[in-house]
C-alpha atoms as a PDB file:
ATOM      1  CA  MET A   1      -0.094 -28.495 -72.548  1.00  0.00           C
ATOM      2  CA  LYS A   2       0.707 -25.067 -71.184  1.00  0.00           C
ATOM      3  CA  ALA A   3      -0.117 -21.452 -71.877  1.00  0.00           C
ATOM      4  CA  GLN A   4       1.415 -18.199 -70.710  1.00  0.00           C
ATOM      5  CA  GLY A   5       0.441 -14.646 -71.469  1.00  0.00           C
ATOM      6  CA  LYS A   6      -0.981 -11.290 -70.512  1.00  0.00           C
ATOM      7  CA  VAL A   7      -4.531 -11.144 -69.163  1.00  0.00           C
ATOM      8  CA  ILE A   8      -7.389  -9.369 -70.861  1.00  0.00           C
ATOM      9  CA  LYS A   9     -10.221  -9.322 -68.339  1.00  0.00           C
ATOM     10  CA  TYR A  10     -13.996  -9.034 -68.619  1.00  0.00           C
ATOM     11  CA  GLY A  11     -16.925  -9.277 -66.199  1.00  0.00           C
ATOM     12  CA  ASP A  12     -19.979 -11.499 -65.790  1.00  0.00           C
ATOM     13  CA  ASN A  13     -22.450 -12.643 -68.458  1.00  0.00           C
ATOM     14  CA  VAL A  14     -20.295 -12.016 -71.514  1.00  0.00           C
ATOM     15  CA  ASP A  15     -22.615 -13.406 -74.157  1.00  0.00           C
ATOM     16  CA  THR A  16     -21.928 -14.778 -77.606  1.00  0.00           C
ATOM     17  CA  ASP A  17     -23.537 -11.698 -79.192  1.00  0.00           C
ATOM     18  CA  VAL A  18     -20.761  -9.470 -77.863  1.00  0.00           C
ATOM     19  CA  ILE A  19     -18.029 -12.062 -78.389  1.00  0.00           C
ATOM     20  CA  ILE A  20     -18.902 -12.097 -82.104  1.00  0.00           C
ATOM     21  CA  PRO A  21     -21.797  -9.850 -83.138  1.00  0.00           C
ATOM     22  CA  ALA A  22     -24.473 -11.460 -85.332  1.00  0.00           C
ATOM     23  CA  ARG A  23     -23.780  -9.051 -88.202  1.00  0.00           C
ATOM     24  CA  TYR A  24     -20.483 -10.923 -88.811  1.00  0.00           C
ATOM     25  CA  LEU A  25     -21.944 -14.423 -88.908  1.00  0.00           C
ATOM     26  CA  ASN A  26     -22.018 -14.482 -92.695  1.00  0.00           C
ATOM     27  CA  THR A  27     -18.576 -16.126 -92.590  1.00  0.00           C
ATOM     28  CA  SER A  28     -17.042 -19.040 -90.762  1.00  0.00           C
ATOM     29  CA  ASP A  29     -13.471 -18.071 -91.678  1.00  0.00           C
ATOM     30  CA  PRO A  30     -11.547 -17.890 -88.371  1.00  0.00           C
ATOM     31  CA  ALA A  31      -9.246 -15.060 -89.499  1.00  0.00           C
ATOM     32  CA  GLU A  32     -12.215 -12.970 -90.618  1.00  0.00           C
ATOM     33  CA  LEU A  33     -14.117 -13.636 -87.366  1.00  0.00           C
ATOM     34  CA  ALA A  34     -11.046 -12.656 -85.316  1.00  0.00           C
ATOM     35  CA  LYS A  35     -11.181  -9.136 -86.793  1.00  0.00           C
ATOM     36  CA  TYR A  36     -14.499  -8.515 -85.008  1.00  0.00           C
ATOM     37  CA  CYS A  37     -13.998 -10.486 -81.794  1.00  0.00           C
ATOM     38  CA  MET A  38     -15.330  -8.640 -78.728  1.00  0.00           C
ATOM     39  CA  GLU A  39     -16.156  -5.593 -80.898  1.00  0.00           C
ATOM     40  CA  ASP A  40     -19.412  -4.700 -79.127  1.00  0.00           C
ATOM     41  CA  LEU A  41     -17.884  -5.035 -75.649  1.00  0.00           C
ATOM     42  CA  ASP A  42     -14.316  -3.818 -76.169  1.00  0.00           C
ATOM     43  CA  LYS A  43     -13.588  -1.842 -79.357  1.00  0.00           C
ATOM     44  CA  ASP A  44      -9.832  -2.018 -78.645  1.00  0.00           C
ATOM     45  CA  PHE A  45      -9.656  -5.791 -78.146  1.00  0.00           C
ATOM     46  CA  VAL A  46      -8.347  -6.586 -81.642  1.00  0.00           C
ATOM     47  CA  LYS A  47      -5.721  -3.839 -81.327  1.00  0.00           C
ATOM     48  CA  LYS A  48      -4.396  -4.967 -77.950  1.00  0.00           C
ATOM     49  CA  VAL A  49      -4.657  -8.779 -78.094  1.00  0.00           C
ATOM     50  CA  GLN A  50      -1.375 -10.582 -78.711  1.00  0.00           C
ATOM     51  CA  LYS A  51      -0.846 -14.224 -79.610  1.00  0.00           C
ATOM     52  CA  GLY A  52      -0.772 -16.209 -76.365  1.00  0.00           C
ATOM     53  CA  ASP A  53      -2.785 -13.734 -74.273  1.00  0.00           C
ATOM     54  CA  ILE A  54      -5.255 -15.203 -71.803  1.00  0.00           C
ATOM     55  CA  MET A  55      -8.846 -14.047 -71.374  1.00  0.00           C
ATOM     56  CA  VAL A  56     -10.255 -14.008 -67.833  1.00  0.00           C
ATOM     57  CA  ALA A  57     -13.917 -13.387 -67.047  1.00  0.00           C
ATOM     58  CA  GLY A  58     -16.550 -13.697 -64.361  1.00  0.00           C
ATOM     59  CA  LYS A  59     -19.650 -15.865 -64.216  1.00  0.00           C
ATOM     60  CA  ASN A  60     -21.613 -17.350 -67.121  1.00  0.00           C
ATOM     61  CA  PHE A  61     -19.069 -16.618 -69.856  1.00  0.00           C
ATOM     62  CA  GLY A  62     -20.379 -17.474 -73.322  1.00  0.00           C
ATOM     63  CA  CYS A  63     -24.074 -17.336 -72.471  1.00  0.00           C
ATOM     64  CA  GLY A  64     -26.612 -16.627 -75.183  1.00  0.00           C
ATOM     65  CA  SER A  65     -26.862 -18.391 -78.515  1.00  0.00           C
ATOM     66  CA  SER A  66     -25.059 -21.626 -79.249  1.00  0.00           C
ATOM     67  CA  ARG A  67     -22.969 -20.315 -82.146  1.00  0.00           C
ATOM     68  CA  GLU A  68     -19.560 -21.947 -82.560  1.00  0.00           C
ATOM     69  CA  HIS A  69     -18.372 -18.693 -84.089  1.00  0.00           C
ATOM     70  CA  ALA A  70     -17.798 -17.258 -80.595  1.00  0.00           C
ATOM     71  CA  PRO A  71     -15.014 -19.613 -79.435  1.00  0.00           C
ATOM     72  CA  ILE A  72     -13.616 -19.714 -82.994  1.00  0.00           C
ATOM     73  CA  SER A  73     -13.233 -15.911 -83.008  1.00  0.00           C
ATOM     74  CA  ILE A  74     -11.553 -15.942 -79.584  1.00  0.00           C
ATOM     75  CA  LYS A  75      -9.104 -18.662 -80.570  1.00  0.00           C
ATOM     76  CA  ALA A  76      -8.350 -17.062 -83.947  1.00  0.00           C
ATOM     77  CA  SER A  77      -7.671 -13.709 -82.249  1.00  0.00           C
ATOM     78  CA  GLY A  78      -4.656 -15.268 -80.523  1.00  0.00           C
ATOM     79  CA  ILE A  79      -6.138 -16.012 -77.098  1.00  0.00           C
ATOM     80  CA  SER A  80      -4.490 -19.187 -75.783  1.00  0.00           C
ATOM     81  CA  CYS A  81      -6.920 -19.892 -72.936  1.00  0.00           C
ATOM     82  CA  VAL A  82     -10.059 -18.550 -71.271  1.00  0.00           C
ATOM     83  CA  ILE A  83     -10.430 -18.709 -67.488  1.00  0.00           C
ATOM     84  CA  ALA A  84     -13.796 -17.854 -65.934  1.00  0.00           C
ATOM     85  CA  GLU A  85     -15.751 -18.358 -62.746  1.00  0.00           C
ATOM     86  CA  THR A  86     -18.279 -20.357 -64.800  1.00  0.00           C
ATOM     87  CA  PHE A  87     -19.079 -20.984 -68.456  1.00  0.00           C
ATOM     88  CA  ALA A  88     -22.363 -21.429 -70.232  1.00  0.00           C
ATOM     89  CA  ARG A  89     -22.505 -25.159 -70.954  1.00  0.00           C
ATOM     90  CA  ILE A  90     -22.918 -24.913 -74.732  1.00  0.00           C
ATOM     91  CA  PHE A  91     -19.987 -22.486 -74.974  1.00  0.00           C
ATOM     92  CA  TYR A  92     -17.892 -24.852 -72.869  1.00  0.00           C
ATOM     93  CA  ARG A  93     -18.545 -27.750 -75.226  1.00  0.00           C
ATOM     94  CA  ASN A  94     -18.102 -25.635 -78.363  1.00  0.00           C
ATOM     95  CA  ALA A  95     -14.745 -24.388 -77.048  1.00  0.00           C
ATOM     96  CA  ILE A  96     -13.506 -27.935 -76.468  1.00  0.00           C
ATOM     97  CA  ASN A  97     -14.816 -28.993 -79.894  1.00  0.00           C
ATOM     98  CA  ILE A  98     -12.757 -26.320 -81.659  1.00  0.00           C
ATOM     99  CA  GLY A  99      -9.685 -26.764 -79.438  1.00  0.00           C
ATOM    100  CA  LEU A 100      -9.886 -23.621 -77.289  1.00  0.00           C
ATOM    101  CA  PRO A 101      -8.659 -24.424 -73.758  1.00  0.00           C
ATOM    102  CA  ILE A 102     -10.979 -23.115 -71.039  1.00  0.00           C
ATOM    103  CA  LEU A 103     -10.818 -23.495 -67.277  1.00  0.00           C
ATOM    104  CA  GLU A 104     -13.325 -22.803 -64.530  1.00  0.00           C
ATOM    105  CA  CYS A 105     -11.615 -21.370 -61.477  1.00  0.00           C
ATOM    106  CA  PRO A 106     -13.656 -18.865 -59.452  1.00  0.00           C
ATOM    107  CA  GLU A 107     -10.760 -17.863 -57.187  1.00  0.00           C
ATOM    108  CA  ALA A 108      -8.433 -17.091 -60.097  1.00  0.00           C
ATOM    109  CA  ALA A 109     -11.148 -15.331 -62.092  1.00  0.00           C
ATOM    110  CA  LYS A 110     -11.905 -13.010 -59.176  1.00  0.00           C
ATOM    111  CA  ASP A 111      -8.294 -12.309 -58.172  1.00  0.00           C
ATOM    112  CA  ILE A 112      -6.476 -11.982 -61.502  1.00  0.00           C
ATOM    113  CA  GLN A 113      -6.500  -8.468 -62.951  1.00  0.00           C
ATOM    114  CA  ASP A 114      -6.302  -7.041 -66.461  1.00  0.00           C
ATOM    115  CA  GLY A 115      -2.657  -6.904 -67.556  1.00  0.00           C
ATOM    116  CA  ASP A 116      -1.383  -9.547 -65.127  1.00  0.00           C
ATOM    117  CA  GLN A 117       0.987 -12.142 -66.573  1.00  0.00           C
ATOM    118  CA  ILE A 118      -0.162 -15.684 -65.869  1.00  0.00           C
ATOM    119  CA  SER A 119       0.765 -19.238 -66.781  1.00  0.00           C
ATOM    120  CA  VAL A 120      -1.539 -22.226 -67.006  1.00  0.00           C
ATOM    121  CA  ASP A 121      -0.665 -25.926 -66.889  1.00  0.00           C
ATOM    122  CA  PHE A 122      -3.578 -27.858 -68.383  1.00  0.00           C
ATOM    123  CA  ASP A 123      -2.177 -31.218 -67.200  1.00  0.00           C
ATOM    124  CA  THR A 124      -2.357 -30.220 -63.537  1.00  0.00           C
ATOM    125  CA  GLY A 125      -4.918 -27.386 -63.562  1.00  0.00           C
ATOM    126  CA  LYS A 126      -2.345 -25.092 -61.937  1.00  0.00           C
ATOM    127  CA  ILE A 127      -2.716 -21.381 -62.709  1.00  0.00           C
ATOM    128  CA  VAL A 128       0.112 -19.080 -61.608  1.00  0.00           C
ATOM    129  CA  ASN A 129      -0.255 -15.313 -61.474  1.00  0.00           C
ATOM    130  CA  LEU A 130       3.338 -14.342 -62.235  1.00  0.00           C
ATOM    131  CA  THR A 131       2.575 -10.669 -61.511  1.00  0.00           C
ATOM    132  CA  LYS A 132       1.254 -11.332 -57.984  1.00  0.00           C
ATOM    133  CA  ASN A 133       3.208 -14.530 -57.317  1.00  0.00           C
ATOM    134  CA  LYS A 134      -0.005 -16.400 -56.451  1.00  0.00           C
ATOM    135  CA  GLU A 135      -1.205 -19.877 -57.404  1.00  0.00           C
ATOM    136  CA  TYR A 136      -4.704 -21.188 -58.045  1.00  0.00           C
ATOM    137  CA  THR A 137      -5.945 -24.679 -58.791  1.00  0.00           C
ATOM    138  CA  SER A 138      -8.554 -25.645 -61.337  1.00  0.00           C
ATOM    139  CA  ALA A 139      -9.648 -29.145 -62.216  1.00  0.00           C
ATOM    140  CA  PRO A 140      -7.297 -30.396 -64.943  1.00  0.00           C
ATOM    141  CA  PHE A 141      -8.742 -31.479 -68.254  1.00  0.00           C
ATOM    142  CA  PRO A 142      -9.406 -35.202 -68.559  1.00  0.00           C
ATOM    143  CA  GLU A 143      -6.915 -36.906 -70.875  1.00  0.00           C
ATOM    144  CA  PHE A 144      -9.376 -37.265 -73.769  1.00  0.00           C
ATOM    145  CA  MET A 145     -10.150 -33.513 -73.673  1.00  0.00           C
ATOM    146  CA  GLN A 146      -6.440 -32.718 -73.696  1.00  0.00           C
ATOM    147  CA  GLU A 147      -6.092 -34.949 -76.764  1.00  0.00           C
ATOM    148  CA  ILE A 148      -8.934 -33.080 -78.491  1.00  0.00           C
ATOM    149  CA  MET A 149      -7.279 -29.715 -77.782  1.00  0.00           C
ATOM    150  CA  ALA A 150      -3.830 -30.997 -78.809  1.00  0.00           C
ATOM    151  CA  ALA A 151      -5.382 -32.080 -82.135  1.00  0.00           C
ATOM    152  CA  ASP A 152      -6.724 -28.515 -82.592  1.00  0.00           C
ATOM    153  CA  GLY A 153     -10.289 -29.619 -81.953  1.00  0.00           C
ATOM    154  CA  LEU A 154     -12.702 -32.481 -82.376  1.00  0.00           C
ATOM    155  CA  ILE A 155     -12.343 -32.716 -86.160  1.00  0.00           C
ATOM    156  CA  GLY A 156      -8.545 -33.011 -85.901  1.00  0.00           C
ATOM    157  CA  TYR A 157      -8.945 -35.563 -83.130  1.00  0.00           C
ATOM    158  CA  ILE A 158     -11.293 -37.711 -85.220  1.00  0.00           C
ATOM    159  CA  LYS A 159      -9.036 -37.481 -88.287  1.00  0.00           C
ATOM    160  CA  LYS A 160      -6.058 -38.491 -86.176  1.00  0.00           C
ATOM    161  CA  ASP A 161      -8.021 -41.403 -84.704  1.00  0.00           C
ATOM    162  CA  LEU A 162      -9.126 -42.577 -88.174  1.00  0.00           C
ATOM    163  CA  ASN A 163      -5.528 -42.567 -89.401  1.00  0.00           C
ATOM    164  CA  LYS A 164      -4.327 -44.942 -86.683  1.00  0.00           C
END
């Protein structure tokens, strides 16, 4: 699996309340959630995000409540991958469960800037900043996690496994 796109960058401690504000939690429809993604942190996010873009952030991305709505809204907005220095553990697991690729790579998260074009190879963990011609290495996803993401999340993975 691979991703390539323009970077939209945020700082440290981006919590689930700014990823998808609580006032929009009356729905679980991904398309509806995407309309409000990042609204309280970046009012222009939904206007500027393009399918395939990559979100980059600092430490403790996805902290706060354990709502699955946060990674769902990011994925539904068109973001193909999130790279951060570190992730809150519950966000990390929720992202994998819904099929949103995420990578921890402190060096890349610090060096990559808003607007840079980057590519990510999930099989190898290689991140290439095409704008700066620099490479970074993250731990690649284990095979079973890649299968979950390729199946568009845990539910798709289980359905696929049951149909074998």
